[in-house]
Amino acid sequence: MSTRDIVDTFKEMYGADVSADLKKIYSSATEEEAARELTQFGELWDAKYPAIAKSWNEHWPNIITLFDYPSDIRRIIYVG
């Protein structure tokens, strides 16, 4: 399942606002920016959807490997 598939599922389940805020995380320019976006996501959505940020935090070591690649390659990975 690609990131796009996951995001589309989130759109269906939680709406476009949640999806847009998740995109801020995985489309960040740097790992540090992504971490800040994840923190902001949790602050905004944890009351309603606590499992989302919890899951992203638990899988953060795997997610941040995305930032080992140049931005053009990252886009292919998360769109693919």
Foldseek 3Di string as FASTA:
>chain_A
DALVVVLVVCCVVPNDVLSVLQCQQLLPQAPVSNVVSLVVSCVPPCVPPVVPSVVCVVCVVVSRVLRVDHNVVSVVRRVD
